[in-house]
PDB file of all heavy atoms in Angstrom:
ATOM      1  N   ASN A   1      43.557  74.919 369.442  1.00  0.00           N
ATOM      2  CA  ASN A   1      42.611  75.649 370.287  1.00  0.00           C
ATOM      3  C   ASN A   1      42.846  75.371 371.757  1.00  0.00           C
ATOM      4  O   ASN A   1      42.795  76.266 372.614  1.00  0.00           O
ATOM      5  CB  ASN A   1      41.156  75.267 369.928  1.00  0.00           C
ATOM      6  CG  ASN A   1      40.683  75.976 368.688  1.00  0.00           C
ATOM      7  OD1 ASN A   1      41.033  77.124 368.429  1.00  0.00           O
ATOM      8  ND2 ASN A   1      39.863  75.302 367.871  1.00  0.00           N
ATOM      9  N   ILE A   2      43.139  74.104 372.077  1.00  0.00           N
ATOM     10  CA  ILE A   2      43.415  73.757 373.467  1.00  0.00           C
ATOM     11  C   ILE A   2      44.691  74.444 373.937  1.00  0.00           C
ATOM     12  O   ILE A   2      44.737  75.040 375.068  1.00  0.00           O
ATOM     13  CB  ILE A   2      43.549  72.229 373.630  1.00  0.00           C
ATOM     14  CG1 ILE A   2      42.222  71.535 373.329  1.00  0.00           C
ATOM     15  CG2 ILE A   2      44.003  71.870 375.047  1.00  0.00           C
ATOM     16  CD1 ILE A   2      42.305  70.017 373.274  1.00  0.00           C
ATOM     17  N   SER A   3      45.764  74.383 373.126  1.00  0.00           N
ATOM     18  CA  SER A   3      47.048  74.935 373.584  1.00  0.00           C
ATOM     19  C   SER A   3      47.015  76.444 373.679  1.00  0.00           C
ATOM     20  O   SER A   3      47.778  77.036 374.468  1.00  0.00           O
ATOM     21  CB  SER A   3      48.150  74.508 372.563  1.00  0.00           C
ATOM     22  OG  SER A   3      47.890  75.046 371.297  1.00  0.00           O
ATOM     23  N   SER A   4      46.119  77.087 372.945  1.00  0.00           N
ATOM     24  CA  SER A   4      46.007  78.526 373.007  1.00  0.00           C
ATOM     25  C   SER A   4      44.981  79.013 374.057  1.00  0.00           C
ATOM     26  O   SER A   4      44.761  80.185 374.227  1.00  0.00           O
ATOM     27  CB  SER A   4      45.646  79.091 371.655  1.00  0.00           C
ATOM     28  OG  SER A   4      44.368  78.584 371.200  1.00  0.00           O
ATOM     29  N   GLY A   5      44.349  78.049 374.747  1.00  0.00           N
ATOM     30  CA  GLY A   5      43.444  78.391 375.841  1.00  0.00           C
ATOM     31  C   GLY A   5      42.013  78.599 375.413  1.00  0.00           C
ATOM     32  O   GLY A   5      41.179  79.048 376.211  1.00  0.00           O
ATOM     33  N   ASN A   6      41.682  78.176 374.197  1.00  0.00           N
ATOM     34  CA  ASN A   6      40.316  78.352 373.709  1.00  0.00           C
ATOM     35  C   ASN A   6      39.402  77.128 373.987  1.00  0.00           C
ATOM     36  O   ASN A   6      38.219  77.175 373.689  1.00  0.00           O
ATOM     37  CB  ASN A   6      40.290  78.603 372.219  1.00  0.00           C
ATOM     38  CG  ASN A   6      41.000  79.943 371.886  1.00  0.00           C
ATOM     39  OD1 ASN A   6      40.867  80.893 372.625  1.00  0.00           O
ATOM     40  ND2 ASN A   6      41.700  79.963 370.754  1.00  0.00           N
ATOM     41  N   GLY A   7      39.971  76.079 374.523  1.00  0.00           N
ATOM     42  CA  GLY A   7      39.188  74.920 374.874  1.00  0.00           C
ATOM     43  C   GLY A   7      39.063  73.910 373.739  1.00  0.00           C
ATOM     44  O   GLY A   7      39.659  74.081 372.666  1.00  0.00           O
ATOM     45  N   PHE A   8      38.278  72.879 373.977  1.00  0.00           N
ATOM     46  CA  PHE A   8      38.086  71.808 373.001  1.00  0.00           C
ATOM     47  C   PHE A   8      37.087  72.243 371.970  1.00  0.00           C
ATOM     48  O   PHE A   8      35.900  71.931 372.039  1.00  0.00           O
ATOM     49  CB  PHE A   8      37.588  70.528 373.746  1.00  0.00           C
ATOM     50  CG  PHE A   8      37.925  69.256 373.050  1.00  0.00           C
ATOM     51  CD1 PHE A   8      39.066  68.555 373.326  1.00  0.00           C
ATOM     52  CD2 PHE A   8      37.054  68.764 372.040  1.00  0.00           C
ATOM     53  CE1 PHE A   8      39.350  67.351 372.685  1.00  0.00           C
ATOM     54  CE2 PHE A   8      37.335  67.549 371.395  1.00  0.00           C
ATOM     55  CZ  PHE A   8      38.512  66.857 371.728  1.00  0.00           C
ATOM     56  N   MET A   9      37.583  72.962 370.968  1.00  0.00           N
ATOM     57  CA  MET A   9      36.688  73.593 369.959  1.00  0.00           C
ATOM     58  C   MET A   9      37.106  73.189 368.539  1.00  0.00           C
ATOM     59  O   MET A   9      38.268  72.981 368.258  1.00  0.00           O
ATOM     60  CB  MET A   9      36.728  75.117 370.101  1.00  0.00           C
ATOM     61  CG  MET A   9      36.308  75.625 371.445  1.00  0.00           C
ATOM     62  SD  MET A   9      36.304  77.441 371.510  1.00  0.00           S
ATOM     63  CE  MET A   9      34.946  77.816 370.400  1.00  0.00           C
ATOM     64  N   PHE A  10      36.063  73.109 367.690  1.00  0.00           N
ATOM     65  CA  PHE A  10      36.320  72.865 366.271  1.00  0.00           C
ATOM     66  C   PHE A  10      35.320  73.720 365.483  1.00  0.00           C
ATOM     67  O   PHE A  10      34.124  73.767 365.820  1.00  0.00           O
ATOM     68  CB  PHE A  10      36.084  71.380 365.957  1.00  0.00           C
ATOM     69  CG  PHE A  10      36.224  71.055 364.497  1.00  0.00           C
ATOM     70  CD1 PHE A  10      37.452  71.118 363.871  1.00  0.00           C
ATOM     71  CD2 PHE A  10      35.106  70.703 363.725  1.00  0.00           C
ATOM     72  CE1 PHE A  10      37.584  70.855 362.521  1.00  0.00           C
ATOM     73  CE2 PHE A  10      35.226  70.415 362.387  1.00  0.00           C
ATOM     74  CZ  PHE A  10      36.473  70.480 361.786  1.00  0.00           C
ATOM     75  N   ASP A  11      35.831  74.376 364.470  1.00  0.00           N
ATOM     76  CA  ASP A  11      35.017  75.316 363.684  1.00  0.00           C
ATOM     77  C   ASP A  11      34.402  76.422 364.527  1.00  0.00           C
ATOM     78  O   ASP A  11      33.274  76.852 364.272  1.00  0.00           O
ATOM     79  CB  ASP A  11      33.920  74.570 362.903  1.00  0.00           C
ATOM     80  CG  ASP A  11      34.374  74.072 361.551  1.00  0.00           C
ATOM     81  OD1 ASP A  11      35.463  74.544 361.107  1.00  0.00           O
ATOM     82  OD2 ASP A  11      33.687  73.262 360.934  1.00  0.00           O
ATOM     83  N   GLY A  12      35.127  76.803 365.573  1.00  0.00           N
ATOM     84  CA  GLY A  12      34.704  77.919 366.377  1.00  0.00           C
ATOM     85  C   GLY A  12      33.685  77.614 367.439  1.00  0.00           C
ATOM     86  O   GLY A  12      33.225  78.512 368.148  1.00  0.00           O
ATOM     87  N   ILE A  13      33.278  76.327 367.586  1.00  0.00           N
ATOM     88  CA  ILE A  13      32.288  75.972 368.579  1.00  0.00           C
ATOM     89  C   ILE A  13      32.807  74.759 369.396  1.00  0.00           C
ATOM     90  O   ILE A  13      33.582  73.956 368.880  1.00  0.00           O
ATOM     91  CB  ILE A  13      30.922  75.635 367.935  1.00  0.00           C
ATOM     92  CG1 ILE A  13      31.089  74.455 366.963  1.00  0.00           C
ATOM     93  CG2 ILE A  13      30.312  76.815 367.273  1.00  0.00           C
ATOM     94  CD1 ILE A  13      29.784  73.961 366.403  1.00  0.00           C
ATOM     95  N   PRO A  14      32.394  74.643 370.676  1.00  0.00           N
ATOM     96  CA  PRO A  14      32.770  73.476 371.430  1.00  0.00           C
ATOM     97  C   PRO A  14      32.298  72.202 370.779  1.00  0.00           C
ATOM     98  O   PRO A  14      31.182  72.124 370.253  1.00  0.00           O
ATOM     99  CB  PRO A  14      32.042  73.698 372.796  1.00  0.00           C
ATOM    100  CG  PRO A  14      31.831  75.150 372.876  1.00  0.00           C
ATOM    101  CD  PRO A  14      31.598  75.601 371.450  1.00  0.00           C
ATOM    102  N   SER A  15      33.148  71.169 370.782  1.00  0.00           N
ATOM    103  CA  SER A  15      32.810  69.963 370.065  1.00  0.00           C
ATOM    104  C   SER A  15      33.325  68.730 370.798  1.00  0.00           C
ATOM    105  O   SER A  15      34.396  68.739 371.376  1.00  0.00           O
ATOM    106  CB  SER A  15      33.458  69.946 368.640  1.00  0.00           C
ATOM    107  OG  SER A  15      33.274  68.723 367.979  1.00  0.00           O
ATOM    108  N   ALA A  16      32.488  67.684 370.812  1.00  0.00           N
ATOM    109  CA  ALA A  16      32.912  66.413 371.393  1.00  0.00           C
ATOM    110  C   ALA A  16      32.913  65.321 370.295  1.00  0.00           C
ATOM    111  O   ALA A  16      32.838  64.155 370.552  1.00  0.00           O
ATOM    112  CB  ALA A  16      31.935  65.985 372.488  1.00  0.00           C
ATOM    113  N   TYR A  17      33.078  65.783 369.053  1.00  0.00           N
ATOM    114  CA  TYR A  17      33.014  64.857 367.924  1.00  0.00           C
ATOM    115  C   TYR A  17      34.239  63.953 367.878  1.00  0.00           C
ATOM    116  O   TYR A  17      34.167  62.804 367.503  1.00  0.00           O
ATOM    117  CB  TYR A  17      32.912  65.674 366.611  1.00  0.00           C
ATOM    118  CG  TYR A  17      32.846  64.818 365.360  1.00  0.00           C
ATOM    119  CD1 TYR A  17      31.723  64.038 365.102  1.00  0.00           C
ATOM    120  CD2 TYR A  17      33.876  64.779 364.456  1.00  0.00           C
ATOM    121  CE1 TYR A  17      31.653  63.256 364.003  1.00  0.00           C
ATOM    122  CE2 TYR A  17      33.840  64.012 363.299  1.00  0.00           C
ATOM    123  CZ  TYR A  17      32.684  63.244 363.068  1.00  0.00           C
ATOM    124  OH  TYR A  17      32.620  62.470 361.963  1.00  0.00           O
ATOM    125  N   ARG A  18      35.384  64.481 368.301  1.00  0.00           N
ATOM    126  CA  ARG A  18      36.612  63.734 368.298  1.00  0.00           C
ATOM    127  C   ARG A  18      36.999  63.276 369.708  1.00  0.00           C
ATOM    128  O   ARG A  18      36.831  64.051 370.641  1.00  0.00           O
ATOM    129  CB  ARG A  18      37.791  64.540 367.708  1.00  0.00           C
ATOM    130  CG  ARG A  18      37.623  64.825 366.224  1.00  0.00           C
ATOM    131  CD  ARG A  18      37.705  63.540 365.441  1.00  0.00           C
ATOM    132  NE  ARG A  18      37.482  63.806 364.002  1.00  0.00           N
ATOM    133  CZ  ARG A  18      37.415  62.849 363.078  1.00  0.00           C
ATOM    134  NH1 ARG A  18      37.530  61.597 363.432  1.00  0.00           N
ATOM    135  NH2 ARG A  18      37.209  63.173 361.810  1.00  0.00           N
ATOM    136  N   PRO A  19      37.508  62.051 369.891  1.00  0.00           N
ATOM    137  CA  PRO A  19      37.967  61.632 371.215  1.00  0.00           C
ATOM    138  C   PRO A  19      39.096  62.557 371.690  1.00  0.00           C
ATOM    139  O   PRO A  19      39.874  63.067 370.866  1.00  0.00           O
ATOM    140  CB  PRO A  19      38.464  60.197 370.972  1.00  0.00           C
ATOM    141  CG  PRO A  19      37.781  59.738 369.734  1.00  0.00           C
ATOM    142  CD  PRO A  19      37.612  60.970 368.868  1.00  0.00           C
ATOM    143  N   PRO A  20      39.226  62.766 372.970  1.00  0.00           N
ATOM    144  CA  PRO A  20      40.122  63.836 373.469  1.00  0.00           C
ATOM    145  C   PRO A  20      41.612  63.517 373.588  1.00  0.00           C
ATOM    146  O   PRO A  20      42.398  64.467 373.585  1.00  0.00           O
ATOM    147  CB  PRO A  20      39.528  64.129 374.859  1.00  0.00           C
ATOM    148  CG  PRO A  20      38.951  62.815 375.306  1.00  0.00           C
ATOM    149  CD  PRO A  20      38.407  62.168 374.055  1.00  0.00           C
ATOM    150  N   ILE A  21      42.006  62.267 373.721  1.00  0.00           N
ATOM    151  CA  ILE A  21      43.368  61.982 374.090  1.00  0.00           C
ATOM    152  C   ILE A  21      44.401  62.425 373.053  1.00  0.00           C
ATOM    153  O   ILE A  21      45.412  63.074 373.388  1.00  0.00           O
ATOM    154  CB  ILE A  21      43.574  60.450 374.392  1.00  0.00           C
ATOM    155  CG1 ILE A  21      42.748  60.065 375.608  1.00  0.00           C
ATOM    156  CG2 ILE A  21      45.029  60.141 374.603  1.00  0.00           C
ATOM    157  CD1 ILE A  21      43.145  60.783 376.889  1.00  0.00           C
ATOM    158  N   TYR A  22      44.150  62.129 371.792  1.00  0.00           N
ATOM    159  CA  TYR A  22      45.153  62.533 370.786  1.00  0.00           C
ATOM    160  C   TYR A  22      45.218  64.046 370.624  1.00  0.00           C
ATOM    161  O   TYR A  22      46.348  64.583 370.540  1.00  0.00           O
ATOM    162  CB  TYR A  22      44.875  61.847 369.442  1.00  0.00           C
ATOM    163  CG  TYR A  22      45.960  62.094 368.459  1.00  0.00           C
ATOM    164  CD1 TYR A  22      47.219  61.521 368.646  1.00  0.00           C
ATOM    165  CD2 TYR A  22      45.772  62.877 367.299  1.00  0.00           C
ATOM    166  CE1 TYR A  22      48.250  61.717 367.727  1.00  0.00           C
ATOM    167  CE2 TYR A  22      46.796  63.092 366.390  1.00  0.00           C
ATOM    168  CZ  TYR A  22      48.022  62.523 366.619  1.00  0.00           C
ATOM    169  OH  TYR A  22      49.036  62.728 365.722  1.00  0.00           O
ATOM    170  N   PRO A  23      44.086  64.780 370.570  1.00  0.00           N
ATOM    171  CA  PRO A  23      44.227  66.243 370.544  1.00  0.00           C
ATOM    172  C   PRO A  23      44.974  66.813 371.778  1.00  0.00           C
ATOM    173  O   PRO A  23      45.747  67.773 371.639  1.00  0.00           O
ATOM    174  CB  PRO A  23      42.766  66.719 370.514  1.00  0.00           C
ATOM    175  CG  PRO A  23      42.015  65.627 369.865  1.00  0.00           C
ATOM    176  CD  PRO A  23      42.710  64.370 370.332  1.00  0.00           C
ATOM    177  N   LEU A  24      44.746  66.172 372.929  1.00  0.00           N
ATOM    178  CA  LEU A  24      45.471  66.627 374.130  1.00  0.00           C
ATOM    179  C   LEU A  24      46.989  66.320 374.007  1.00  0.00           C
ATOM    180  O   LEU A  24      47.826  67.135 374.472  1.00  0.00           O
ATOM    181  CB  LEU A  24      44.904  65.943 375.383  1.00  0.00           C
ATOM    182  CG  LEU A  24      43.539  66.423 375.825  1.00  0.00           C
ATOM    183  CD1 LEU A  24      42.963  65.512 376.920  1.00  0.00           C
ATOM    184  CD2 LEU A  24      43.578  67.850 376.297  1.00  0.00           C
ATOM    185  N   PHE A  25      47.300  65.206 373.401  1.00  0.00           N
ATOM    186  CA  PHE A  25      48.691  64.862 373.129  1.00  0.00           C
ATOM    187  C   PHE A  25      49.353  65.899 372.227  1.00  0.00           C
ATOM    188  O   PHE A  25      50.444  66.440 372.524  1.00  0.00           O
ATOM    189  CB  PHE A  25      48.751  63.478 372.511  1.00  0.00           C
ATOM    190  CG  PHE A  25      50.091  63.153 371.903  1.00  0.00           C
ATOM    191  CD1 PHE A  25      51.172  62.808 372.676  1.00  0.00           C
ATOM    192  CD2 PHE A  25      50.240  63.097 370.505  1.00  0.00           C
ATOM    193  CE1 PHE A  25      52.395  62.492 372.120  1.00  0.00           C
ATOM    194  CE2 PHE A  25      51.442  62.763 369.952  1.00  0.00           C
ATOM    195  CZ  PHE A  25      52.550  62.467 370.744  1.00  0.00           C
ATOM    196  N   LEU A  26      48.671  66.256 371.139  1.00  0.00           N
ATOM    197  CA  LEU A  26      49.188  67.277 370.240  1.00  0.00           C
ATOM    198  C   LEU A  26      49.259  68.632 370.918  1.00  0.00           C
ATOM    199  O   LEU A  26      50.241  69.384 370.752  1.00  0.00           O
ATOM    200  CB  LEU A  26      48.310  67.385 368.987  1.00  0.00           C
ATOM    201  CG  LEU A  26      48.327  66.203 368.023  1.00  0.00           C
ATOM    202  CD1 LEU A  26      47.362  66.485 366.885  1.00  0.00           C
ATOM    203  CD2 LEU A  26      49.713  65.915 367.479  1.00  0.00           C
ATOM    204  N   ALA A  27      48.228  68.964 371.701  1.00  0.00           N
ATOM    205  CA  ALA A  27      48.177  70.254 372.387  1.00  0.00           C
ATOM    206  C   ALA A  27      49.351  70.427 373.362  1.00  0.00           C
ATOM    207  O   ALA A  27      49.904  71.534 373.493  1.00  0.00           O
ATOM    208  CB  ALA A  27      46.856  70.409 373.126  1.00  0.00           C
ATOM    209  N   SER A  28      49.697  69.345 374.057  1.00  0.00           N
ATOM    210  CA  SER A  28      50.814  69.432 374.978  1.00  0.00           C
ATOM    211  C   SER A  28      52.119  69.723 374.249  1.00  0.00           C
ATOM    212  O   SER A  28      52.982  70.463 374.744  1.00  0.00           O
ATOM    213  CB  SER A  28      50.942  68.132 375.782  1.00  0.00           C
ATOM    214  OG  SER A  28      51.229  67.034 374.961  1.00  0.00           O
ATOM    215  N   ILE A  29      52.271  69.148 373.054  1.00  0.00           N
ATOM    216  CA  ILE A  29      53.491  69.411 372.248  1.00  0.00           C
ATOM    217  C   ILE A  29      53.479  70.882 371.783  1.00  0.00           C
ATOM    218  O   ILE A  29      54.497  71.571 371.867  1.00  0.00           O
ATOM    219  CB  ILE A  29      53.576  68.461 371.049  1.00  0.00           C
ATOM    220  CG1 ILE A  29      53.742  67.013 371.549  1.00  0.00           C
ATOM    221  CG2 ILE A  29      54.700  68.842 370.130  1.00  0.00           C
ATOM    222  CD1 ILE A  29      53.719  65.985 370.451  1.00  0.00           C
ATOM    223  N   TYR A  30      52.314  71.323 371.286  1.00  0.00           N
ATOM    224  CA  TYR A  30      52.221  72.724 370.860  1.00  0.00           C
ATOM    225  C   TYR A  30      52.507  73.702 372.025  1.00  0.00           C
ATOM    226  O   TYR A  30      53.158  74.716 371.834  1.00  0.00           O
ATOM    227  CB  TYR A  30      50.837  72.997 370.310  1.00  0.00           C
ATOM    228  CG  TYR A  30      50.573  72.326 368.956  1.00  0.00           C
ATOM    229  CD1 TYR A  30      49.296  71.853 368.673  1.00  0.00           C
ATOM    230  CD2 TYR A  30      51.529  72.244 367.981  1.00  0.00           C
ATOM    231  CE1 TYR A  30      49.022  71.239 367.447  1.00  0.00           C
ATOM    232  CE2 TYR A  30      51.272  71.665 366.763  1.00  0.00           C
ATOM    233  CZ  TYR A  30      50.015  71.148 366.491  1.00  0.00           C
ATOM    234  OH  TYR A  30      49.746  70.574 365.283  1.00  0.00           O
ATOM    235  N   TYR A  31      52.002  73.342 373.215  1.00  0.00           N
ATOM    236  CA  TYR A  31      52.137  74.258 374.341  1.00  0.00           C
ATOM    237  C   TYR A  31      53.583  74.340 374.811  1.00  0.00           C
ATOM    238  O   TYR A  31      54.061  75.443 375.080  1.00  0.00           O
ATOM    239  CB  TYR A  31      51.277  73.720 375.503  1.00  0.00           C
ATOM    240  CG  TYR A  31      51.289  74.575 376.717  1.00  0.00           C
ATOM    241  CD1 TYR A  31      50.521  75.739 376.809  1.00  0.00           C
ATOM    242  CD2 TYR A  31      52.122  74.251 377.808  1.00  0.00           C
ATOM    243  CE1 TYR A  31      50.560  76.536 377.916  1.00  0.00           C
ATOM    244  CE2 TYR A  31      52.151  75.051 378.943  1.00  0.00           C
ATOM    245  CZ  TYR A  31      51.348  76.217 379.006  1.00  0.00           C
ATOM    246  OH  TYR A  31      51.405  76.996 380.135  1.00  0.00           O
ATOM    247  N   PHE A  32      54.300  73.221 374.869  1.00  0.00           N
ATOM    248  CA  PHE A  32      55.660  73.229 375.414  1.00  0.00           C
ATOM    249  C   PHE A  32      56.721  73.515 374.354  1.00  0.00           C
ATOM    250  O   PHE A  32      57.802  74.042 374.681  1.00  0.00           O
ATOM    251  CB  PHE A  32      55.960  71.914 376.113  1.00  0.00           C
ATOM    252  CG  PHE A  32      55.242  71.722 377.390  1.00  0.00           C
ATOM    253  CD1 PHE A  32      54.159  70.843 377.483  1.00  0.00           C
ATOM    254  CD2 PHE A  32      55.597  72.431 378.542  1.00  0.00           C
ATOM    255  CE1 PHE A  32      53.486  70.660 378.696  1.00  0.00           C
ATOM    256  CE2 PHE A  32      54.935  72.254 379.756  1.00  0.00           C
ATOM    257  CZ  PHE A  32      53.873  71.370 379.824  1.00  0.00           C
TER     258      PHE A  32
END
């Protein structure tokens, strides 16, 4: 969701349930 520009979302809604660093790490790989 982050890499596609939809933001920090899970199950279609914004979520802060998971810490952000690892999803951001994965998102950067997906993006590039």
